[in-house]
Amino acid sequence: MPEPEWLIDGIIPKQAFVVLYGPSGVGKSFVAIDLAMCVSSGLAWQSHEVDAGFAVYISAEGTSGIGQRAKAWLLSNRKHADETNIAWAVESVPIYQDSEDLQALFDRFDELQDQPAIVVVDTLARCYAGDENDTPDMAAFVRGIDRLRIECGSTVLVVHHTNSSESRERGNGALRGAADTMIRMMPGILGTGVRSSLRPVQNSFTLINDKAKESVPFNIGLGTIISTKVGVDKRGRDKTSGVVRVEWLSADESDELA
């Protein structure tokens, strides 16, 4: 199998459709922000080299916490905001092929005279028109994603939730069928003693590449969300957010736990 061109080496290909999915509260947005900020600054993502470029982050679930998370990333990585090339859209953008909101986004890219290397859609539910379980509705969403990828030459990363049993991504199977890369984010740390067991560790998670259409799946990642001070409130109390740190298992360890 020939190697794809990588946006993030060995993790995310260029012009790919990527789904990062997991249960509520696991920290998906922290990981997605970390990815986007690394691409926008050229900083390696968790030891994997990136091909730097313009990043767009659609924070469709609102502004709550997004500014503090970005500030925590900048402070932790000793970067200034002007060293990143990222635009934040704090609104929902219904994504389907003929969406007027999607066209408005393209028009904005033209005004900026820059095409994004990566567009993060956080979350699918807030940028989706229809029923997630309906095949035609999911197909319409996928066509909208394809329009973003093809017209902009961008990788599109969609943040999504798991189903009620947390066994798979929520909604119609057409999403998985269309995705190039699926990254499952699970709360806790995979243990090495019992196959596929999870040890609950506060603010920890496991990343598993459970679909890689054009490459070998990347090794399992064991991550932590580290509390970071971003300022002080008017009562003198620390304001904190979180930054992501991931350590990667070896190929043999990943095979053992897969």
C-alpha atoms as a PDB file:
ATOM      1  CA  MET A   1       0.000   0.000   0.000  1.00  0.00           C
ATOM      2  CA  PRO A   2       1.574   3.351  -1.050  1.00  0.00           C
ATOM      3  CA  GLU A   3       1.976   5.917   1.727  1.00  0.00           C
ATOM      4  CA  PRO A   4      -0.452   8.853   1.556  1.00  0.00           C
ATOM      5  CA  GLU A   5       0.678  12.460   1.783  1.00  0.00           C
ATOM      6  CA  TRP A   6       0.502  13.346   5.454  1.00  0.00           C
ATOM      7  CA  LEU A   7      -0.888  16.447   7.127  1.00  0.00           C
ATOM      8  CA  ILE A   8       0.203  14.968  10.478  1.00  0.00           C
ATOM      9  CA  ASP A   9       2.858  12.347   9.835  1.00  0.00           C
ATOM     10  CA  GLY A  10       1.535   8.814  10.271  1.00  0.00           C
ATOM     11  CA  ILE A  11      -1.730  10.063  11.798  1.00  0.00           C
ATOM     12  CA  ILE A  12      -3.869  12.181   9.451  1.00  0.00           C
ATOM     13  CA  PRO A  13      -3.534  12.273   5.651  1.00  0.00           C
ATOM     14  CA  LYS A  14      -3.956  15.384   3.531  1.00  0.00           C
ATOM     15  CA  GLN A  15      -7.412  16.051   2.062  1.00  0.00           C
ATOM     16  CA  ALA A  16      -8.865  13.278   4.210  1.00  0.00           C
ATOM     17  CA  PHE A  17     -12.216  12.887   5.937  1.00  0.00           C
ATOM     18  CA  VAL A  18     -11.417  12.135   9.575  1.00  0.00           C
ATOM     19  CA  VAL A  19     -13.833  11.344  12.405  1.00  0.00           C
ATOM     20  CA  LEU A  20     -12.758  11.729  16.044  1.00  0.00           C
ATOM     21  CA  TYR A  21     -15.441  10.127  18.179  1.00  0.00           C
ATOM     22  CA  GLY A  22     -16.006   9.315  21.824  1.00  0.00           C
ATOM     23  CA  PRO A  23     -18.436   9.741  24.723  1.00  0.00           C
ATOM     24  CA  SER A  24     -19.367  13.118  26.168  1.00  0.00           C
ATOM     25  CA  GLY A  25     -16.803  14.557  28.555  1.00  0.00           C
ATOM     26  CA  VAL A  26     -13.844  12.449  27.384  1.00  0.00           C
ATOM     27  CA  GLY A  27     -11.984  15.499  26.034  1.00  0.00           C
ATOM     28  CA  LYS A  28     -12.540  15.311  22.270  1.00  0.00           C
ATOM     29  CA  SER A  29     -12.467  19.088  21.853  1.00  0.00           C
ATOM     30  CA  PHE A  30      -9.153  19.319  23.725  1.00  0.00           C
ATOM     31  CA  VAL A  31      -7.611  16.870  21.240  1.00  0.00           C
ATOM     32  CA  ALA A  32      -9.205  18.576  18.228  1.00  0.00           C
ATOM     33  CA  ILE A  33      -7.986  22.029  19.349  1.00  0.00           C
ATOM     34  CA  ASP A  34      -4.506  20.608  19.924  1.00  0.00           C
ATOM     35  CA  LEU A  35      -4.461  19.155  16.396  1.00  0.00           C
ATOM     36  CA  ALA A  36      -5.678  22.376  14.793  1.00  0.00           C
ATOM     37  CA  MET A  37      -3.291  24.611  16.753  1.00  0.00           C
ATOM     38  CA  CYS A  38      -0.326  22.407  15.865  1.00  0.00           C
ATOM     39  CA  VAL A  39      -1.167  22.510  12.155  1.00  0.00           C
ATOM     40  CA  SER A  40      -1.701  26.280  12.343  1.00  0.00           C
ATOM     41  CA  SER A  41       1.683  26.857  14.014  1.00  0.00           C
ATOM     42  CA  GLY A  42       3.796  24.117  12.428  1.00  0.00           C
ATOM     43  CA  LEU A  43       4.488  22.584  15.842  1.00  0.00           C
ATOM     44  CA  ALA A  44       4.741  18.782  15.872  1.00  0.00           C
ATOM     45  CA  TRP A  45       1.571  17.126  17.139  1.00  0.00           C
ATOM     46  CA  GLN A  46       2.451  14.836  20.032  1.00  0.00           C
ATOM     47  CA  SER A  47       5.872  14.022  18.468  1.00  0.00           C
ATOM     48  CA  HIS A  48       4.446  13.644  14.915  1.00  0.00           C
ATOM     49  CA  GLU A  49       5.621  16.223  12.375  1.00  0.00           C
ATOM     50  CA  VAL A  50       2.980  18.379  10.688  1.00  0.00           C
ATOM     51  CA  ASP A  51       2.720  20.110   7.330  1.00  0.00           C
ATOM     52  CA  ALA A  52       1.819  23.603   8.552  1.00  0.00           C
ATOM     53  CA  GLY A  53      -1.110  25.515   7.099  1.00  0.00           C
ATOM     54  CA  PHE A  54      -4.176  27.619   7.715  1.00  0.00           C
ATOM     55  CA  ALA A  55      -6.614  25.982  10.166  1.00  0.00           C
ATOM     56  CA  VAL A  56     -10.324  26.670  10.623  1.00  0.00           C
ATOM     57  CA  TYR A  57     -12.113  25.563  13.785  1.00  0.00           C
ATOM     58  CA  ILE A  58     -15.922  25.525  13.710  1.00  0.00           C
ATOM     59  CA  SER A  59     -16.916  25.566  17.379  1.00  0.00           C
ATOM     60  CA  ALA A  60     -20.601  24.936  16.804  1.00  0.00           C
ATOM     61  CA  GLU A  61     -21.304  24.134  20.465  1.00  0.00           C
ATOM     62  CA  GLY A  62     -20.533  27.749  21.362  1.00  0.00           C
ATOM     63  CA  THR A  63     -17.814  29.914  22.845  1.00  0.00           C
ATOM     64  CA  SER A  64     -17.831  28.428  26.345  1.00  0.00           C
ATOM     65  CA  GLY A  65     -14.241  27.590  27.243  1.00  0.00           C
ATOM     66  CA  ILE A  66     -12.845  27.809  23.708  1.00  0.00           C
ATOM     67  CA  GLY A  67     -10.823  30.960  24.373  1.00  0.00           C
ATOM     68  CA  GLN A  68      -9.338  29.580  27.582  1.00  0.00           C
ATOM     69  CA  ARG A  69      -8.437  26.303  25.867  1.00  0.00           C
ATOM     70  CA  ALA A  70      -6.638  28.158  23.081  1.00  0.00           C
ATOM     71  CA  LYS A  71      -4.854  30.344  25.655  1.00  0.00           C
ATOM     72  CA  ALA A  72      -3.795  27.269  27.638  1.00  0.00           C
ATOM     73  CA  TRP A  73      -2.332  25.759  24.456  1.00  0.00           C
ATOM     74  CA  LEU A  74      -0.393  28.947  23.673  1.00  0.00           C
ATOM     75  CA  LEU A  75       0.984  29.233  27.207  1.00  0.00           C
ATOM     76  CA  SER A  76       1.908  25.560  27.419  1.00  0.00           C
ATOM     77  CA  ASN A  77       3.651  25.575  24.045  1.00  0.00           C
ATOM     78  CA  ARG A  78       5.264  29.012  24.536  1.00  0.00           C
ATOM     79  CA  LYS A  79       3.637  30.443  21.449  1.00  0.00           C
ATOM     80  CA  HIS A  80       2.078  33.850  20.753  1.00  0.00           C
ATOM     81  CA  ALA A  81      -1.271  34.092  18.995  1.00  0.00           C
ATOM     82  CA  ASP A  82       0.396  35.762  15.996  1.00  0.00           C
ATOM     83  CA  GLU A  83       2.515  32.625  15.538  1.00  0.00           C
ATOM     84  CA  THR A  84      -0.608  30.643  14.652  1.00  0.00           C
ATOM     85  CA  ASN A  85      -2.677  30.828  11.473  1.00  0.00           C
ATOM     86  CA  ILE A  86      -6.118  29.835  12.679  1.00  0.00           C
ATOM     87  CA  ALA A  87      -9.661  31.177  12.345  1.00  0.00           C
ATOM     88  CA  TRP A  88     -12.435  30.411  14.829  1.00  0.00           C
ATOM     89  CA  ALA A  89     -16.088  30.201  13.784  1.00  0.00           C
ATOM     90  CA  VAL A  90     -18.251  30.088  16.905  1.00  0.00           C
ATOM     91  CA  GLU A  91     -21.500  29.170  15.206  1.00  0.00           C
ATOM     92  CA  SER A  92     -23.145  26.165  13.637  1.00  0.00           C
ATOM     93  CA  VAL A  93     -22.625  25.692   9.897  1.00  0.00           C
ATOM     94  CA  PRO A  94     -25.160  23.265   8.412  1.00  0.00           C
ATOM     95  CA  ILE A  95     -23.101  21.011   6.160  1.00  0.00           C
ATOM     96  CA  TYR A  96     -24.646  19.567   3.023  1.00  0.00           C
ATOM     97  CA  GLN A  97     -23.810  20.004  -0.633  1.00  0.00           C
ATOM     98  CA  ASP A  98     -25.969  23.070  -1.420  1.00  0.00           C
ATOM     99  CA  SER A  99     -25.786  24.718   2.010  1.00  0.00           C
ATOM    100  CA  GLU A 100     -25.833  28.534   1.845  1.00  0.00           C
ATOM    101  CA  ASP A 101     -23.863  28.640   5.124  1.00  0.00           C
ATOM    102  CA  LEU A 102     -21.193  26.423   3.596  1.00  0.00           C
ATOM    103  CA  GLN A 103     -21.029  28.703   0.548  1.00  0.00           C
ATOM    104  CA  ALA A 104     -20.623  31.696   2.887  1.00  0.00           C
ATOM    105  CA  LEU A 105     -17.664  29.898   4.458  1.00  0.00           C
ATOM    106  CA  PHE A 106     -16.078  29.414   1.009  1.00  0.00           C
ATOM    107  CA  ASP A 107     -16.632  33.110   0.256  1.00  0.00           C
ATOM    108  CA  ARG A 108     -14.845  34.001   3.484  1.00  0.00           C
ATOM    109  CA  PHE A 109     -11.873  31.841   2.506  1.00  0.00           C
ATOM    110  CA  ASP A 110     -11.718  33.714  -0.801  1.00  0.00           C
ATOM    111  CA  GLU A 111     -11.727  37.049   1.071  1.00  0.00           C
ATOM    112  CA  LEU A 112      -8.841  35.842   3.236  1.00  0.00           C
ATOM    113  CA  GLN A 113      -7.063  34.612   0.101  1.00  0.00           C
ATOM    114  CA  ASP A 114      -6.153  31.445   1.954  1.00  0.00           C
ATOM    115  CA  GLN A 115      -7.458  27.884   1.779  1.00  0.00           C
ATOM    116  CA  PRO A 116      -7.413  25.821   4.960  1.00  0.00           C
ATOM    117  CA  ALA A 117      -5.157  22.820   5.369  1.00  0.00           C
ATOM    118  CA  ILE A 118      -7.602  21.541   7.999  1.00  0.00           C
ATOM    119  CA  VAL A 119     -11.196  22.320   8.929  1.00  0.00           C
ATOM    120  CA  VAL A 120     -12.434  21.032  12.288  1.00  0.00           C
ATOM    121  CA  VAL A 121     -16.199  20.563  12.670  1.00  0.00           C
ATOM    122  CA  ASP A 122     -17.059  20.420  16.382  1.00  0.00           C
ATOM    123  CA  THR A 123     -19.548  18.734  16.493  1.00  0.00           C
ATOM    124  CA  LEU A 124     -21.336  16.730  13.789  1.00  0.00           C
ATOM    125  CA  ALA A 125     -24.641  17.070  15.668  1.00  0.00           C
ATOM    126  CA  ARG A 126     -24.504  20.888  15.601  1.00  0.00           C
ATOM    127  CA  CYS A 127     -23.610  21.046  11.882  1.00  0.00           C
ATOM    128  CA  TYR A 128     -26.023  18.386  10.689  1.00  0.00           C
ATOM    129  CA  ALA A 129     -29.340  18.925   8.913  1.00  0.00           C
ATOM    130  CA  GLY A 130     -31.632  15.952   9.486  1.00  0.00           C
ATOM    131  CA  ASP A 131     -31.706  12.619  11.307  1.00  0.00           C
ATOM    132  CA  GLU A 132     -28.307  11.079  12.114  1.00  0.00           C
ATOM    133  CA  ASN A 133     -29.762   7.599  11.653  1.00  0.00           C
ATOM    134  CA  ASP A 134     -31.187   8.312   8.204  1.00  0.00           C
ATOM    135  CA  THR A 135     -29.086   7.144   5.233  1.00  0.00           C
ATOM    136  CA  PRO A 136     -30.089   9.952   2.803  1.00  0.00           C
ATOM    137  CA  ASP A 137     -29.460  12.614   5.466  1.00  0.00           C
ATOM    138  CA  MET A 138     -26.052  11.181   6.340  1.00  0.00           C
ATOM    139  CA  ALA A 139     -25.213  10.900   2.644  1.00  0.00           C
ATOM    140  CA  ALA A 140     -26.071  14.608   2.249  1.00  0.00           C
ATOM    141  CA  PHE A 141     -23.723  15.461   5.131  1.00  0.00           C
ATOM    142  CA  VAL A 142     -20.932  13.386   3.573  1.00  0.00           C
ATOM    143  CA  ARG A 143     -21.411  15.200   0.231  1.00  0.00           C
ATOM    144  CA  GLY A 144     -21.013  18.494   2.089  1.00  0.00           C
ATOM    145  CA  ILE A 145     -17.797  17.241   3.695  1.00  0.00           C
ATOM    146  CA  ASP A 146     -16.557  16.116   0.276  1.00  0.00           C
ATOM    147  CA  ARG A 147     -17.281  19.575  -1.119  1.00  0.00           C
ATOM    148  CA  LEU A 148     -15.148  21.106   1.650  1.00  0.00           C
ATOM    149  CA  ARG A 149     -12.322  18.650   1.023  1.00  0.00           C
ATOM    150  CA  ILE A 150     -12.308  18.915  -2.757  1.00  0.00           C
ATOM    151  CA  GLU A 151     -12.943  22.644  -3.282  1.00  0.00           C
ATOM    152  CA  CYS A 152     -10.546  23.736  -0.534  1.00  0.00           C
ATOM    153  CA  GLY A 153      -8.056  20.865  -0.754  1.00  0.00           C
ATOM    154  CA  SER A 154      -8.527  20.465   2.997  1.00  0.00           C
ATOM    155  CA  THR A 155      -8.542  17.697   5.524  1.00  0.00           C
ATOM    156  CA  VAL A 156     -11.846  17.798   7.407  1.00  0.00           C
ATOM    157  CA  LEU A 157     -11.927  16.481  10.968  1.00  0.00           C
ATOM    158  CA  VAL A 158     -15.405  15.937  12.405  1.00  0.00           C
ATOM    159  CA  VAL A 159     -15.864  15.597  16.173  1.00  0.00           C
ATOM    160  CA  HIS A 160     -18.675  13.155  16.957  1.00  0.00           C
ATOM    161  CA  HIS A 161     -20.298  11.288  19.830  1.00  0.00           C
ATOM    162  CA  THR A 162     -20.612   7.570  20.528  1.00  0.00           C
ATOM    163  CA  ASN A 163     -23.942   5.777  20.754  1.00  0.00           C
ATOM    164  CA  SER A 164     -25.682   5.162  24.085  1.00  0.00           C
ATOM    165  CA  SER A 165     -23.676   1.990  24.778  1.00  0.00           C
ATOM    166  CA  GLU A 166     -20.408   3.775  23.839  1.00  0.00           C
ATOM    167  CA  SER A 167     -19.565   0.818  21.581  1.00  0.00           C
ATOM    168  CA  ARG A 168     -19.409   2.743  18.267  1.00  0.00           C
ATOM    169  CA  GLU A 169     -20.022   6.137  16.732  1.00  0.00           C
ATOM    170  CA  ARG A 170     -23.588   7.399  16.842  1.00  0.00           C
ATOM    171  CA  GLY A 171     -25.819   7.375  13.787  1.00  0.00           C
ATOM    172  CA  ASN A 172     -25.910   5.866  10.321  1.00  0.00           C
ATOM    173  CA  GLY A 173     -23.136   3.566   9.103  1.00  0.00           C
ATOM    174  CA  ALA A 174     -22.666   5.683   5.960  1.00  0.00           C
ATOM    175  CA  LEU A 175     -20.460   7.962   8.075  1.00  0.00           C
ATOM    176  CA  ARG A 176     -17.919   5.210   8.761  1.00  0.00           C
ATOM    177  CA  GLY A 177     -18.175   4.001   5.181  1.00  0.00           C
ATOM    178  CA  ALA A 178     -17.193   7.442   3.864  1.00  0.00           C
ATOM    179  CA  ALA A 179     -14.469   8.289   6.404  1.00  0.00           C
ATOM    180  CA  ASP A 180     -10.811   7.814   5.510  1.00  0.00           C
ATOM    181  CA  THR A 181      -9.711   7.736   9.147  1.00  0.00           C
ATOM    182  CA  MET A 182     -11.675   6.937  12.306  1.00  0.00           C
ATOM    183  CA  ILE A 183     -10.133   7.766  15.685  1.00  0.00           C
ATOM    184  CA  ARG A 184     -11.868   6.379  18.739  1.00  0.00           C
ATOM    185  CA  MET A 185     -11.301   8.255  21.995  1.00  0.00           C
ATOM    186  CA  MET A 186     -12.022   6.222  25.113  1.00  0.00           C
ATOM    187  CA  PRO A 187     -11.958   7.399  28.736  1.00  0.00           C
ATOM    188  CA  GLY A 188      -9.241   5.762  30.850  1.00  0.00           C
ATOM    189  CA  ILE A 189      -5.974   4.034  30.036  1.00  0.00           C
ATOM    190  CA  LEU A 190      -5.735   0.664  28.321  1.00  0.00           C
ATOM    191  CA  GLY A 191      -4.085  -1.835  30.667  1.00  0.00           C
ATOM    192  CA  THR A 192      -1.400  -4.250  29.555  1.00  0.00           C
ATOM    193  CA  GLY A 193      -2.261  -7.163  31.809  1.00  0.00           C
ATOM    194  CA  VAL A 194      -5.780  -7.969  30.639  1.00  0.00           C
ATOM    195  CA  ARG A 195      -6.560  -7.702  26.945  1.00  0.00           C
ATOM    196  CA  SER A 196      -8.536  -4.546  26.097  1.00  0.00           C
ATOM    197  CA  SER A 197      -9.165  -3.684  29.757  1.00  0.00           C
ATOM    198  CA  LEU A 198      -9.501  -0.036  30.737  1.00  0.00           C
ATOM    199  CA  ARG A 199      -8.192   1.446  33.968  1.00  0.00           C
ATOM    200  CA  PRO A 200     -10.056   4.590  35.070  1.00  0.00           C
ATOM    201  CA  VAL A 201      -7.502   7.356  35.558  1.00  0.00           C
ATOM    202  CA  GLN A 202      -8.705  10.918  36.113  1.00  0.00           C
ATOM    203  CA  ASN A 203      -8.456  13.130  33.002  1.00  0.00           C
ATOM    204  CA  SER A 204      -6.967  10.271  30.968  1.00  0.00           C
ATOM    205  CA  PHE A 205      -7.950   8.787  27.630  1.00  0.00           C
ATOM    206  CA  THR A 206      -6.922   6.254  25.006  1.00  0.00           C
ATOM    207  CA  LEU A 207      -6.773   6.933  21.244  1.00  0.00           C
ATOM    208  CA  ILE A 208      -7.363   4.005  18.888  1.00  0.00           C
ATOM    209  CA  ASN A 209      -7.207   4.223  15.087  1.00  0.00           C
ATOM    210  CA  ASP A 210     -10.016   1.844  14.202  1.00  0.00           C
ATOM    211  CA  LYS A 211     -10.169   2.722  10.501  1.00  0.00           C
ATOM    212  CA  ALA A 212      -7.312   3.762   8.220  1.00  0.00           C
ATOM    213  CA  LYS A 213      -8.364   3.506   4.589  1.00  0.00           C
ATOM    214  CA  GLU A 214      -5.049   4.430   2.955  1.00  0.00           C
ATOM    215  CA  SER A 215      -2.415   3.377   5.491  1.00  0.00           C
ATOM    216  CA  VAL A 216      -1.494   1.104   8.374  1.00  0.00           C
ATOM    217  CA  PRO A 217      -3.345   2.154  11.567  1.00  0.00           C
ATOM    218  CA  PHE A 218      -1.240   4.261  13.893  1.00  0.00           C
ATOM    219  CA  ASN A 219      -0.170   2.938  17.292  1.00  0.00           C
ATOM    220  CA  ILE A 220      -2.424   3.287  20.329  1.00  0.00           C
ATOM    221  CA  GLY A 221      -2.014   6.579  22.195  1.00  0.00           C
ATOM    222  CA  LEU A 222      -2.353   6.982  25.969  1.00  0.00           C
ATOM    223  CA  GLY A 223      -3.281  10.549  26.815  1.00  0.00           C
ATOM    224  CA  THR A 224      -3.789  12.939  29.695  1.00  0.00           C
ATOM    225  CA  ILE A 225      -5.480  16.324  29.915  1.00  0.00           C
ATOM    226  CA  ILE A 226      -3.211  18.435  32.115  1.00  0.00           C
ATOM    227  CA  SER A 227      -4.657  21.354  34.083  1.00  0.00           C
ATOM    228  CA  THR A 228      -3.037  24.648  33.082  1.00  0.00           C
ATOM    229  CA  LYS A 229      -3.419  28.085  34.679  1.00  0.00           C
ATOM    230  CA  VAL A 230      -4.595  30.703  32.194  1.00  0.00           C
ATOM    231  CA  GLY A 231      -5.239  33.661  34.498  1.00  0.00           C
ATOM    232  CA  VAL A 232      -6.933  34.911  37.649  1.00  0.00           C
ATOM    233  CA  ASP A 233     -10.607  35.851  38.061  1.00  0.00           C
ATOM    234  CA  LYS A 234     -11.875  39.046  39.723  1.00  0.00           C
ATOM    235  CA  ARG A 235     -11.900  37.320  43.104  1.00  0.00           C
ATOM    236  CA  GLY A 236      -8.258  36.319  42.799  1.00  0.00           C
ATOM    237  CA  ARG A 237      -8.898  32.655  42.070  1.00  0.00           C
ATOM    238  CA  ASP A 238      -6.951  30.788  39.417  1.00  0.00           C
ATOM    239  CA  LYS A 239      -8.619  30.281  36.055  1.00  0.00           C
ATOM    240  CA  THR A 240      -7.565  26.986  34.493  1.00  0.00           C
ATOM    241  CA  SER A 241      -8.057  24.993  31.335  1.00  0.00           C
ATOM    242  CA  GLY A 242      -6.397  21.870  29.955  1.00  0.00           C
ATOM    243  CA  VAL A 243      -3.757  20.808  27.470  1.00  0.00           C
ATOM    244  CA  VAL A 244      -3.256  17.383  25.916  1.00  0.00           C
ATOM    245  CA  ARG A 245      -0.246  15.098  26.245  1.00  0.00           C
ATOM    246  CA  VAL A 246      -0.091  11.726  24.451  1.00  0.00           C
ATOM    247  CA  GLU A 247       2.417   8.892  24.746  1.00  0.00           C
ATOM    248  CA  TRP A 248       2.406   6.248  22.032  1.00  0.00           C
ATOM    249  CA  LEU A 249       2.668   2.517  22.568  1.00  0.00           C
ATOM    250  CA  SER A 250       5.003   0.496  20.389  1.00  0.00           C
ATOM    251  CA  ALA A 251       3.638  -1.437  17.434  1.00  0.00           C
ATOM    252  CA  ASP A 252       3.927  -4.710  19.390  1.00  0.00           C
ATOM    253  CA  GLU A 253       2.112  -3.273  22.411  1.00  0.00           C
ATOM    254  CA  SER A 254      -0.610  -1.847  20.174  1.00  0.00           C
ATOM    255  CA  ASP A 255      -1.078  -5.211  18.414  1.00  0.00           C
ATOM    256  CA  GLU A 256      -1.360  -6.950  21.777  1.00  0.00           C
ATOM    257  CA  LEU A 257      -4.155  -4.637  22.936  1.00  0.00           C
ATOM    258  CA  ALA A 258      -6.006  -4.207  19.642  1.00  0.00           C
END
